[in-house]
Amino acid sequence: SRASGSIFSELERSARNGASNSPSALSRLANDVCLSLLRKSDDWVGACSTSQWFRKDDAGKAESLFNDWANREASKFEKEYIPGAGRNEDGGGPTLAVVSVVVEIQGDVTKFDGAGFSFSGTREVLSSVASDVQVISGECLNAVEVFWTPSERGEVLTKQDVILDFPEIIDL
């Protein structure tokens, strides 16, 4: 459903509120999205996660990999679309949704492994990211990108679409 309170309305609100590139705004965006996903855990059908750790003096490599992963995710989406605030568009009916959160964060305590293998593992990954992005008032978060599909209210995403475009997602 795409009604008020749906994951779509939560993501749209977070995207509008996180439009700044300040560390605190990016931290709030990542935290809000992770919390929204955690609150919708009854609706999850699949998940996945991956991570790569770099030494402090490999910051350029970390940024390059973040850009590669963000571009790879962005290329799966036909267009970027965020409805304006207050727009009341008709929904396209029941649909699956895929939400991708790509983060570049300093430190080595954030738990990334385990999403998709169980509900509890997926919750643990999202909880870890949600809390760790707020360390040092968000200064530890170098970058975040959030993508979701379908983004337009009239679109519907089927299980077949997910299998074709997101083969890495593991059924829960």
Protein backbone atom coordinates (compact mmCIF):
# COMPACT_ATOMS: atom_id res chain seq x y z
CA SER A 1 0.00 0.00 0.00
CA ARG A 2 1.15 3.53 -0.72
CA ALA A 3 -1.01 5.27 1.84
CA SER A 4 0.25 7.61 4.51
CA GLY A 5 2.46 5.57 6.82
CA SER A 6 3.57 3.16 4.07
CA ILE A 7 7.26 2.54 3.49
CA PHE A 8 6.95 4.70 0.36
CA SER A 9 5.67 7.75 2.24
CA GLU A 10 8.36 7.24 4.89
CA LEU A 11 11.12 7.06 2.26
CA GLU A 12 9.78 10.11 0.42
CA ARG A 13 9.68 12.10 3.68
CA SER A 14 13.21 11.02 4.60
CA ALA A 15 14.53 11.93 1.13
CA ARG A 16 12.98 15.40 1.29
CA ASN A 17 14.29 15.98 4.82
CA GLY A 18 17.79 14.65 4.04
CA ALA A 19 18.41 16.85 1.01
CA SER A 20 21.40 18.56 2.67
CA ASN A 21 24.93 17.18 2.48
CA SER A 22 25.82 18.12 6.06
CA PRO A 23 27.02 15.23 8.23
CA SER A 24 24.06 15.57 10.58
CA ALA A 25 21.53 15.58 7.69
CA LEU A 26 23.13 12.51 6.06
CA SER A 27 23.23 10.77 9.44
CA ARG A 28 19.56 11.57 10.03
CA LEU A 29 18.67 10.28 6.54
CA ALA A 30 20.44 6.95 7.07
CA ASN A 31 19.02 6.60 10.58
CA ASP A 32 15.45 7.48 9.48
CA VAL A 33 15.52 5.01 6.57
CA CYS A 34 16.89 2.17 8.71
CA LEU A 35 14.30 2.86 11.43
CA SER A 36 11.49 3.01 8.85
CA LEU A 37 12.59 -0.35 7.46
CA LEU A 38 12.81 -1.85 10.95
CA ARG A 39 9.26 -0.65 11.70
CA LYS A 40 8.04 -2.42 8.55
CA SER A 41 9.79 -5.75 9.29
CA ASP A 42 6.46 -7.61 9.18
CA ASP A 43 6.39 -6.80 5.46
CA TRP A 44 9.89 -8.06 4.58
CA VAL A 45 10.16 -10.88 2.05
CA GLY A 46 13.91 -10.74 1.36
CA ALA A 47 17.17 -8.92 2.10
CA CYS A 48 20.91 -8.96 1.53
CA SER A 49 23.99 -7.10 2.65
CA THR A 50 27.65 -6.90 1.81
CA SER A 51 30.57 -4.96 3.21
CA GLN A 52 34.24 -4.25 2.74
CA TRP A 53 36.60 -2.98 5.42
CA PHE A 54 39.50 -0.60 4.65
CA ARG A 55 42.38 0.68 6.76
CA LYS A 56 42.26 4.35 7.70
CA ASP A 57 44.96 5.21 5.14
CA ASP A 58 42.87 3.59 2.36
CA ALA A 59 40.12 6.24 2.45
CA GLY A 60 40.39 6.79 -1.31
CA LYS A 61 39.79 3.09 -1.97
CA ALA A 62 36.81 3.12 0.39
CA GLU A 63 35.29 6.12 -1.39
CA SER A 64 35.89 4.52 -4.78
CA LEU A 65 34.14 1.31 -3.70
CA PHE A 66 31.23 3.30 -2.22
CA ASN A 67 30.86 5.14 -5.55
CA ASP A 68 31.01 1.84 -7.45
CA TRP A 69 28.34 0.23 -5.25
CA ALA A 70 26.12 3.33 -5.34
CA ASN A 71 26.41 3.54 -9.14
CA ARG A 72 25.70 -0.18 -9.47
CA GLU A 73 22.52 0.22 -7.40
CA ALA A 74 21.49 3.41 -9.21
CA SER A 75 21.83 1.69 -12.58
CA LYS A 76 19.15 -0.84 -11.55
CA PHE A 77 16.58 1.95 -11.34
CA GLU A 78 15.06 3.36 -14.50
CA LYS A 79 14.81 6.90 -13.10
CA GLU A 80 15.17 8.91 -9.93
CA TYR A 81 11.89 10.34 -8.73
CA ILE A 82 10.82 11.92 -5.46
CA PRO A 83 7.26 13.26 -5.39
CA GLY A 84 6.90 16.80 -4.12
CA ALA A 85 5.60 17.38 -0.62
CA GLY A 86 1.83 17.25 -0.40
CA ARG A 87 1.34 15.64 -3.80
CA ASN A 88 -1.51 13.20 -3.69
CA GLU A 89 -0.95 10.69 -6.45
CA ASP A 90 -3.00 7.56 -6.98
CA GLY A 91 -1.29 4.28 -6.15
CA GLY A 92 -0.88 1.44 -8.59
CA GLY A 93 -2.09 -1.28 -6.27
CA PRO A 94 -0.25 -3.75 -4.06
CA THR A 95 3.43 -4.04 -4.86
CA LEU A 96 6.74 -5.31 -3.63
CA ALA A 97 9.40 -2.69 -2.87
CA VAL A 98 13.17 -2.85 -2.97
CA VAL A 99 15.10 -0.40 -0.79
CA SER A 100 18.87 -0.10 -1.17
CA VAL A 101 20.96 1.72 1.43
CA VAL A 102 24.64 2.20 0.59
CA VAL A 103 26.83 3.67 3.35
CA GLU A 104 30.46 4.60 3.74
CA ILE A 105 31.17 4.75 7.46
CA GLN A 106 34.33 5.04 9.51
CA GLY A 107 35.24 2.43 12.10
CA ASP A 108 34.98 -1.32 12.29
CA VAL A 109 32.07 -1.98 14.66
CA THR A 110 29.10 -1.65 12.29
CA LYS A 111 27.58 -5.07 11.64
CA PHE A 112 26.84 -5.58 7.95
CA ASP A 113 26.85 -9.36 7.60
CA GLY A 114 23.67 -11.33 8.13
CA ALA A 115 20.92 -9.48 6.26
CA GLY A 116 18.82 -11.91 4.25
CA PHE A 117 19.78 -15.03 6.16
CA SER A 118 17.19 -14.44 8.88
CA PHE A 119 14.80 -11.81 10.14
CA SER A 120 16.90 -11.36 13.27
CA GLY A 121 20.12 -10.99 11.22
CA THR A 122 18.46 -8.40 8.99
CA ARG A 123 17.16 -6.50 12.03
CA GLU A 124 20.64 -6.58 13.57
CA VAL A 125 22.26 -5.12 10.43
CA LEU A 126 19.69 -2.30 10.15
CA SER A 127 19.90 -1.55 13.89
CA SER A 128 23.70 -1.45 13.77
CA VAL A 129 23.72 0.95 10.81
CA ALA A 130 20.96 3.11 12.36
CA SER A 131 22.91 3.60 15.58
CA ASP A 132 26.45 3.77 14.18
CA VAL A 133 25.68 6.52 11.64
CA GLN A 134 24.90 8.84 14.55
CA VAL A 135 28.29 8.47 16.26
CA ILE A 136 30.13 11.78 16.67
CA SER A 137 26.97 13.64 15.50
CA GLY A 138 27.17 11.90 12.14
CA GLU A 139 30.80 12.83 11.50
CA CYS A 140 31.68 9.11 11.15
CA LEU A 141 29.36 8.76 8.14
CA ASN A 142 31.27 9.70 5.00
CA ALA A 143 28.44 9.08 2.53
CA VAL A 144 25.00 7.52 2.12
CA GLU A 145 22.78 6.80 -0.87
CA VAL A 146 19.21 5.52 -0.60
CA PHE A 147 17.35 4.06 -3.58
CA TRP A 148 13.92 2.47 -3.78
CA THR A 149 11.69 1.05 -6.41
CA PRO A 150 8.99 1.48 -7.49
CA SER A 151 9.28 5.20 -6.88
CA GLU A 152 6.34 6.40 -8.96
CA ARG A 153 2.99 5.75 -7.34
CA GLY A 154 1.49 4.07 -10.40
CA GLU A 155 4.24 1.47 -10.76
CA VAL A 156 3.97 -2.08 -9.46
CA LEU A 157 6.98 -4.31 -8.76
CA THR A 158 6.42 -8.06 -9.06
CA LYS A 159 8.40 -10.96 -7.60
CA GLN A 160 9.67 -11.68 -11.13
CA ASP A 161 10.94 -8.08 -11.42
CA VAL A 162 12.83 -8.48 -8.16
CA ILE A 163 14.38 -11.80 -9.24
CA LEU A 164 15.56 -10.30 -12.55
CA ASP A 165 16.85 -6.95 -11.29
CA PHE A 166 18.02 -7.91 -7.78
CA PRO A 167 19.22 -11.53 -7.91
CA GLU A 168 21.36 -11.00 -4.79
CA ILE A 169 18.28 -10.67 -2.55
CA ILE A 170 17.77 -13.72 -0.38
CA ASP A 171 14.21 -14.78 0.52
CA LEU A 172 13.50 -14.55 4.23
